[in-house]
């Protein structure tokens, strides 16, 4: 049975944990934003966020929504591409985590996994998701 799912979650919102679980316990084709960005940018993280969000992410999302079977875990999808995904029968799942929990998780992953500090983006991501739930 085909699965067409986009999972949206903020940074430190549990995407990696879910991705690892799904890869270990299912045979679903799993796609993850950071991996796909690196793949689309010749194994380098783009230094220009406008290029990443304005060129690479739309290209990646358009490619994924054309698939008949895909689970895509991400923190960002342009609104018009979420609408396209819905028209292509994708289910959109939003993982909602309180800001205080995200800050705690962010500090932990910085310490334990050497992640960059995402604190600056957390409230913006939550606000964007809140707007999306009303629009999409």
N, C-alpha and C. Protein backbone atom coordinates (compact mmCIF):
# COMPACT_ATOMS: atom_id res chain seq x y z
N UNK A 1 0.84 -1.17 0.00
CA UNK A 1 0.00 0.00 0.00
C UNK A 1 0.88 1.24 0.00
N UNK A 2 0.61 2.15 -0.89
CA UNK A 2 1.40 3.37 -1.02
C UNK A 2 1.10 4.33 0.13
N UNK A 3 2.14 4.99 0.58
CA UNK A 3 2.03 6.02 1.62
C UNK A 3 2.57 7.31 1.04
N UNK A 4 1.82 8.38 1.21
CA UNK A 4 2.24 9.70 0.74
C UNK A 4 2.06 10.65 1.91
N UNK A 5 3.19 10.95 2.58
CA UNK A 5 3.12 11.71 3.82
C UNK A 5 4.23 12.75 3.86
N UNK A 6 3.89 13.95 4.30
CA UNK A 6 4.87 14.96 4.65
C UNK A 6 4.72 15.22 6.14
N UNK A 7 5.82 15.06 6.87
CA UNK A 7 5.84 15.32 8.31
C UNK A 7 6.60 16.62 8.52
N UNK A 8 5.89 17.62 9.03
CA UNK A 8 6.49 18.92 9.36
C UNK A 8 6.72 18.99 10.85
N UNK A 9 7.92 19.38 11.24
CA UNK A 9 8.24 19.58 12.65
C UNK A 9 9.34 20.62 12.74
N UNK A 10 9.34 21.40 13.81
CA UNK A 10 10.39 22.40 13.98
C UNK A 10 11.74 21.73 14.27
N UNK A 11 12.80 22.51 14.19
CA UNK A 11 14.11 22.02 14.58
C UNK A 11 14.01 21.48 16.00
N UNK A 12 14.65 20.36 16.25
CA UNK A 12 14.61 19.68 17.55
C UNK A 12 13.22 19.15 17.89
N UNK A 13 12.38 19.00 16.88
CA UNK A 13 11.00 18.58 17.09
C UNK A 13 10.76 17.09 16.99
N UNK A 14 11.81 16.29 16.77
CA UNK A 14 11.64 14.85 16.75
C UNK A 14 11.74 14.19 15.39
N UNK A 15 12.06 14.95 14.35
CA UNK A 15 12.13 14.37 13.01
C UNK A 15 13.19 13.28 12.90
N UNK A 16 14.37 13.52 13.45
CA UNK A 16 15.44 12.51 13.35
C UNK A 16 15.08 11.23 14.07
N UNK A 17 14.48 11.36 15.23
CA UNK A 17 14.06 10.19 15.99
C UNK A 17 13.02 9.39 15.20
N UNK A 18 12.04 10.09 14.64
CA UNK A 18 11.02 9.43 13.83
C UNK A 18 11.64 8.80 12.58
N UNK A 19 12.52 9.52 11.92
CA UNK A 19 13.17 9.00 10.72
C UNK A 19 13.92 7.71 11.03
N UNK A 20 14.71 7.72 12.10
CA UNK A 20 15.47 6.52 12.46
C UNK A 20 14.55 5.35 12.78
N UNK A 21 13.48 5.62 13.51
CA UNK A 21 12.52 4.57 13.84
C UNK A 21 11.91 3.99 12.56
N UNK A 22 11.44 4.85 11.66
CA UNK A 22 10.80 4.37 10.44
C UNK A 22 11.78 3.59 9.57
N UNK A 23 13.00 4.06 9.48
CA UNK A 23 14.00 3.34 8.67
C UNK A 23 14.34 1.98 9.28
N UNK A 24 14.35 1.90 10.60
CA UNK A 24 14.68 0.64 11.27
C UNK A 24 13.53 -0.36 11.27
N UNK A 25 12.29 0.12 11.25
CA UNK A 25 11.16 -0.78 11.48
C UNK A 25 10.18 -0.89 10.31
N UNK A 26 10.45 -0.17 9.22
CA UNK A 26 9.56 -0.27 8.05
C UNK A 26 10.40 -0.34 6.79
N UNK A 27 9.74 -0.59 5.69
CA UNK A 27 10.42 -0.51 4.40
C UNK A 27 9.93 0.69 3.59
N UNK A 28 9.35 1.65 4.28
CA UNK A 28 8.87 2.86 3.62
C UNK A 28 10.03 3.67 3.05
N UNK A 29 9.83 4.28 1.90
CA UNK A 29 10.88 5.17 1.37
C UNK A 29 10.86 6.49 2.16
N UNK A 30 11.90 6.72 2.93
CA UNK A 30 11.98 7.87 3.84
C UNK A 30 12.93 8.90 3.25
N UNK A 31 12.46 10.13 3.19
CA UNK A 31 13.27 11.25 2.71
C UNK A 31 13.33 12.29 3.82
N UNK A 32 14.50 12.87 4.02
CA UNK A 32 14.67 13.85 5.09
C UNK A 32 15.29 15.11 4.51
N UNK A 33 14.79 16.27 4.93
CA UNK A 33 15.17 17.54 4.32
C UNK A 33 16.68 17.74 4.24
N UNK A 34 17.40 17.64 5.36
CA UNK A 34 18.83 17.92 5.34
C UNK A 34 19.58 16.99 4.39
N UNK A 35 19.21 15.72 4.39
CA UNK A 35 19.84 14.77 3.47
C UNK A 35 19.57 15.15 2.01
N UNK A 36 18.34 15.52 1.74
CA UNK A 36 17.96 15.86 0.36
C UNK A 36 18.63 17.17 -0.09
N UNK A 37 18.75 18.13 0.82
CA UNK A 37 19.44 19.38 0.49
C UNK A 37 20.90 19.10 0.15
N UNK A 38 21.54 18.29 0.97
CA UNK A 38 22.95 17.93 0.72
C UNK A 38 23.08 17.22 -0.64
N UNK A 39 22.19 16.29 -0.91
CA UNK A 39 22.22 15.56 -2.17
C UNK A 39 22.04 16.51 -3.36
N UNK A 40 21.11 17.43 -3.25
CA UNK A 40 20.83 18.37 -4.33
C UNK A 40 21.94 19.41 -4.50
N UNK A 41 22.78 19.57 -3.48
CA UNK A 41 23.84 20.58 -3.52
C UNK A 41 25.23 19.94 -3.50
N UNK A 42 25.36 18.78 -4.15
CA UNK A 42 26.65 18.12 -4.33
C UNK A 42 27.38 17.86 -3.01
N UNK A 43 26.61 17.35 -2.03
CA UNK A 43 27.15 16.95 -0.72
C UNK A 43 27.76 18.09 0.09
N UNK A 44 27.26 19.29 -0.14
CA UNK A 44 27.67 20.45 0.66
C UNK A 44 26.43 21.17 1.15
N UNK A 45 26.48 21.63 2.41
CA UNK A 45 25.38 22.42 2.93
C UNK A 45 25.48 23.82 2.33
N UNK A 46 24.40 24.34 1.73
CA UNK A 46 24.46 25.67 1.10
C UNK A 46 24.72 26.77 2.14
N UNK A 47 25.61 27.67 1.80
CA UNK A 47 25.91 28.78 2.70
C UNK A 47 24.86 29.88 2.58
N UNK A 48 24.07 29.85 1.53
CA UNK A 48 23.06 30.88 1.27
C UNK A 48 21.67 30.31 1.55
N UNK A 49 21.03 30.78 2.64
CA UNK A 49 19.69 30.29 3.00
C UNK A 49 18.65 30.63 1.94
N UNK A 50 18.79 31.76 1.27
CA UNK A 50 17.83 32.12 0.23
C UNK A 50 17.90 31.12 -0.92
N UNK A 51 19.10 30.70 -1.28
CA UNK A 51 19.26 29.69 -2.33
C UNK A 51 18.66 28.36 -1.87
N UNK A 52 18.98 27.98 -0.62
CA UNK A 52 18.45 26.72 -0.08
C UNK A 52 16.92 26.73 -0.09
N UNK A 53 16.34 27.77 0.52
CA UNK A 53 14.88 27.81 0.68
C UNK A 53 14.15 28.21 -0.60
N UNK A 54 14.80 29.00 -1.45
CA UNK A 54 14.11 29.48 -2.66
C UNK A 54 14.32 28.63 -3.89
N UNK A 55 15.41 27.85 -3.93
CA UNK A 55 15.72 27.04 -5.11
C UNK A 55 15.72 25.55 -4.78
N UNK A 56 16.56 25.16 -3.82
CA UNK A 56 16.72 23.73 -3.54
C UNK A 56 15.47 23.10 -2.93
N UNK A 57 14.93 23.72 -1.89
CA UNK A 57 13.77 23.12 -1.22
C UNK A 57 12.58 22.96 -2.18
N UNK A 58 12.22 24.00 -2.97
CA UNK A 58 11.12 23.77 -3.91
C UNK A 58 11.40 22.64 -4.91
N UNK A 59 12.64 22.57 -5.40
CA UNK A 59 13.00 21.50 -6.34
C UNK A 59 12.84 20.13 -5.68
N UNK A 60 13.30 20.02 -4.45
CA UNK A 60 13.21 18.75 -3.71
C UNK A 60 11.75 18.38 -3.47
N UNK A 61 10.96 19.32 -2.99
CA UNK A 61 9.55 19.03 -2.69
C UNK A 61 8.80 18.64 -3.95
N UNK A 62 9.02 19.35 -5.05
CA UNK A 62 8.36 19.01 -6.31
C UNK A 62 8.70 17.58 -6.73
N UNK A 63 9.95 17.20 -6.54
CA UNK A 63 10.37 15.84 -6.87
C UNK A 63 9.67 14.81 -5.98
N UNK A 64 9.59 15.10 -4.70
CA UNK A 64 8.98 14.15 -3.77
C UNK A 64 7.49 14.00 -4.00
N UNK A 65 6.78 15.10 -4.27
CA UNK A 65 5.32 14.99 -4.44
C UNK A 65 4.96 14.26 -5.73
N UNK A 66 5.91 14.06 -6.61
CA UNK A 66 5.65 13.27 -7.82
C UNK A 66 5.78 11.77 -7.55
N UNK A 67 6.30 11.40 -6.40
CA UNK A 67 6.48 9.99 -6.07
C UNK A 67 5.15 9.38 -5.66
N UNK A 68 5.00 8.11 -5.93
CA UNK A 68 3.76 7.42 -5.55
C UNK A 68 3.83 6.86 -4.14
N UNK A 69 5.02 6.90 -3.54
CA UNK A 69 5.22 6.32 -2.21
C UNK A 69 6.38 7.07 -1.57
N UNK A 70 6.11 7.91 -0.56
CA UNK A 70 7.18 8.68 0.07
C UNK A 70 6.74 9.22 1.41
N UNK A 71 7.68 9.21 2.35
CA UNK A 71 7.50 9.90 3.63
C UNK A 71 8.62 10.92 3.69
N UNK A 72 8.25 12.19 3.77
CA UNK A 72 9.23 13.28 3.76
C UNK A 72 9.16 14.01 5.09
N UNK A 73 10.28 14.05 5.79
CA UNK A 73 10.37 14.71 7.09
C UNK A 73 11.14 16.02 6.91
N UNK A 74 10.52 17.12 7.34
CA UNK A 74 11.10 18.43 7.07
C UNK A 74 10.62 19.48 8.06
N UNK A 75 11.32 20.57 8.10
CA UNK A 75 10.87 21.70 8.93
C UNK A 75 10.32 22.83 8.06
N UNK A 76 10.46 22.70 6.73
CA UNK A 76 10.02 23.78 5.86
C UNK A 76 9.56 23.26 4.52
N UNK A 77 8.35 23.66 4.13
CA UNK A 77 7.84 23.45 2.79
C UNK A 77 7.08 24.72 2.42
N UNK A 78 7.39 25.32 1.28
CA UNK A 78 6.63 26.51 0.88
C UNK A 78 5.13 26.19 0.81
N UNK A 79 4.34 27.16 1.23
CA UNK A 79 2.89 26.97 1.34
C UNK A 79 2.26 26.45 0.05
N UNK A 80 2.65 27.02 -1.09
CA UNK A 80 2.04 26.59 -2.36
C UNK A 80 2.39 25.14 -2.67
N UNK A 81 3.55 24.67 -2.20
CA UNK A 81 3.92 23.28 -2.44
C UNK A 81 3.21 22.32 -1.49
N UNK A 82 2.85 22.81 -0.32
CA UNK A 82 1.99 21.99 0.56
C UNK A 82 0.63 21.80 -0.09
N UNK A 83 0.12 22.84 -0.71
CA UNK A 83 -1.17 22.71 -1.42
C UNK A 83 -1.05 21.71 -2.57
N UNK A 84 0.07 21.79 -3.32
CA UNK A 84 0.31 20.84 -4.40
C UNK A 84 0.38 19.42 -3.85
N UNK A 85 1.07 19.24 -2.75
CA UNK A 85 1.17 17.91 -2.14
C UNK A 85 -0.21 17.38 -1.77
N UNK A 86 -1.04 18.24 -1.21
CA UNK A 86 -2.42 17.82 -0.87
C UNK A 86 -3.18 17.39 -2.12
N UNK A 87 -3.03 18.16 -3.20
CA UNK A 87 -3.71 17.79 -4.45
C UNK A 87 -3.20 16.45 -4.98
N UNK A 88 -1.97 16.10 -4.64
CA UNK A 88 -1.38 14.83 -5.08
C UNK A 88 -1.60 13.74 -4.02
N UNK A 89 -2.57 13.97 -3.13
CA UNK A 89 -3.00 12.99 -2.12
C UNK A 89 -2.00 12.74 -1.00
N UNK A 90 -1.10 13.69 -0.74
CA UNK A 90 -0.22 13.58 0.42
C UNK A 90 -0.98 14.00 1.66
N UNK A 91 -0.73 13.29 2.73
CA UNK A 91 -1.21 13.70 4.05
C UNK A 91 -0.13 14.57 4.67
N UNK A 92 -0.54 15.66 5.28
CA UNK A 92 0.40 16.57 5.94
C UNK A 92 0.22 16.38 7.45
N UNK A 93 1.31 16.01 8.10
CA UNK A 93 1.28 15.79 9.55
C UNK A 93 2.19 16.84 10.19
N UNK A 94 1.68 17.50 11.19
CA UNK A 94 2.46 18.52 11.90
C UNK A 94 2.75 18.02 13.31
N UNK A 95 4.02 17.92 13.63
CA UNK A 95 4.42 17.58 14.99
C UNK A 95 4.54 18.90 15.74
N UNK A 96 3.70 19.07 16.74
CA UNK A 96 3.66 20.32 17.49
C UNK A 96 4.31 20.10 18.85
N UNK A 97 5.36 20.87 19.12
CA UNK A 97 6.10 20.75 20.38
C UNK A 97 6.16 22.14 21.00
N UNK A 98 5.96 22.23 22.30
CA UNK A 98 6.03 23.52 22.99
C UNK A 98 7.43 24.11 22.88
N UNK A 99 7.50 25.44 22.84
CA UNK A 99 8.78 26.14 22.73
C UNK A 99 9.74 25.76 23.85
N UNK A 100 9.25 25.65 25.07
CA UNK A 100 10.14 25.31 26.19
C UNK A 100 10.79 23.94 25.98
N UNK A 101 10.04 23.00 25.45
CA UNK A 101 10.59 21.67 25.17
C UNK A 101 11.59 21.72 24.02
N UNK A 102 11.29 22.52 22.99
CA UNK A 102 12.22 22.65 21.87
C UNK A 102 13.55 23.24 22.32
N UNK A 103 13.50 24.24 23.19
CA UNK A 103 14.72 24.86 23.70
C UNK A 103 15.54 23.83 24.47
N UNK A 104 14.87 23.05 25.29
CA UNK A 104 15.56 22.00 26.05
C UNK A 104 16.19 20.96 25.11
N UNK A 105 15.44 20.51 24.13
CA UNK A 105 15.96 19.53 23.17
C UNK A 105 17.12 20.11 22.36
N UNK A 106 16.98 21.38 21.98
CA UNK A 106 18.03 22.04 21.20
C UNK A 106 19.33 22.08 21.99
N UNK A 107 19.25 22.45 23.25
CA UNK A 107 20.46 22.49 24.09
C UNK A 107 21.09 21.11 24.20
N UNK A 108 20.25 20.09 24.36
CA UNK A 108 20.75 18.73 24.48
C UNK A 108 21.45 18.26 23.20
N UNK A 109 20.84 18.52 22.07
CA UNK A 109 21.46 18.04 20.83
C UNK A 109 22.71 18.84 20.47
N UNK A 110 22.78 20.11 20.91
CA UNK A 110 24.02 20.87 20.73
C UNK A 110 25.14 20.22 21.54
N UNK A 111 24.82 19.85 22.77
CA UNK A 111 25.81 19.26 23.67
C UNK A 111 26.18 17.84 23.25
N UNK A 112 25.19 17.02 22.95
CA UNK A 112 25.42 15.60 22.71
C UNK A 112 25.79 15.26 21.25
N UNK A 113 25.29 16.07 20.31
CA UNK A 113 25.47 15.72 18.90
C UNK A 113 26.16 16.81 18.09
N UNK A 114 26.64 17.85 18.75
CA UNK A 114 27.36 18.96 18.10
C UNK A 114 26.53 19.69 17.04
N UNK A 115 25.23 19.76 17.24
CA UNK A 115 24.38 20.53 16.34
C UNK A 115 24.64 22.02 16.55
N UNK A 116 24.37 22.79 15.50
CA UNK A 116 24.41 24.24 15.63
C UNK A 116 23.19 24.69 16.43
N UNK A 117 23.29 25.82 17.07
CA UNK A 117 22.21 26.37 17.88
C UNK A 117 21.06 26.82 16.98
N UNK A 118 19.88 26.25 17.18
CA UNK A 118 18.70 26.59 16.38
C UNK A 118 17.72 27.47 17.15
N UNK A 119 18.11 27.93 18.35
CA UNK A 119 17.20 28.71 19.19
C UNK A 119 16.58 29.89 18.44
N UNK A 120 17.39 30.55 17.64
CA UNK A 120 16.94 31.73 16.90
C UNK A 120 15.74 31.43 16.00
N UNK A 121 15.63 30.19 15.51
CA UNK A 121 14.60 29.84 14.53
C UNK A 121 13.36 29.20 15.13
N UNK A 122 13.44 28.77 16.37
CA UNK A 122 12.36 27.94 16.92
C UNK A 122 11.01 28.66 16.95
N UNK A 123 10.96 29.86 17.51
CA UNK A 123 9.68 30.58 17.59
C UNK A 123 9.15 30.91 16.20
N UNK A 124 10.04 31.28 15.29
CA UNK A 124 9.63 31.56 13.91
C UNK A 124 9.01 30.32 13.27
N UNK A 125 9.62 29.17 13.48
CA UNK A 125 9.06 27.94 12.92
C UNK A 125 7.68 27.64 13.52
N UNK A 126 7.55 27.79 14.82
CA UNK A 126 6.25 27.55 15.45
C UNK A 126 5.19 28.51 14.93
N UNK A 127 5.54 29.78 14.78
CA UNK A 127 4.60 30.77 14.25
C UNK A 127 4.19 30.43 12.82
N UNK A 128 5.16 29.99 12.03
CA UNK A 128 4.87 29.61 10.64
C UNK A 128 3.92 28.42 10.60
N UNK A 129 4.15 27.43 11.45
CA UNK A 129 3.27 26.26 11.47
C UNK A 129 1.86 26.65 11.90
N UNK A 130 1.75 27.56 12.85
CA UNK A 130 0.43 28.01 13.31
C UNK A 130 -0.34 28.66 12.15
N UNK A 131 0.35 29.48 11.36
CA UNK A 131 -0.28 30.11 10.20
C UNK A 131 -0.67 29.06 9.17
N UNK A 132 0.20 28.07 8.96
CA UNK A 132 -0.08 27.04 7.97
C UNK A 132 -1.33 26.24 8.31
N UNK A 133 -1.53 25.95 9.58
CA UNK A 133 -2.70 25.15 9.97
C UNK A 133 -3.98 25.89 9.63
N UNK A 134 -3.93 27.20 9.58
CA UNK A 134 -5.12 27.98 9.22
C UNK A 134 -5.31 28.11 7.71
N UNK A 135 -4.19 27.99 6.95
CA UNK A 135 -4.25 28.23 5.52
C UNK A 135 -4.32 26.98 4.67
N UNK A 136 -3.59 25.95 5.04
CA UNK A 136 -3.44 24.80 4.14
C UNK A 136 -4.41 23.70 4.49
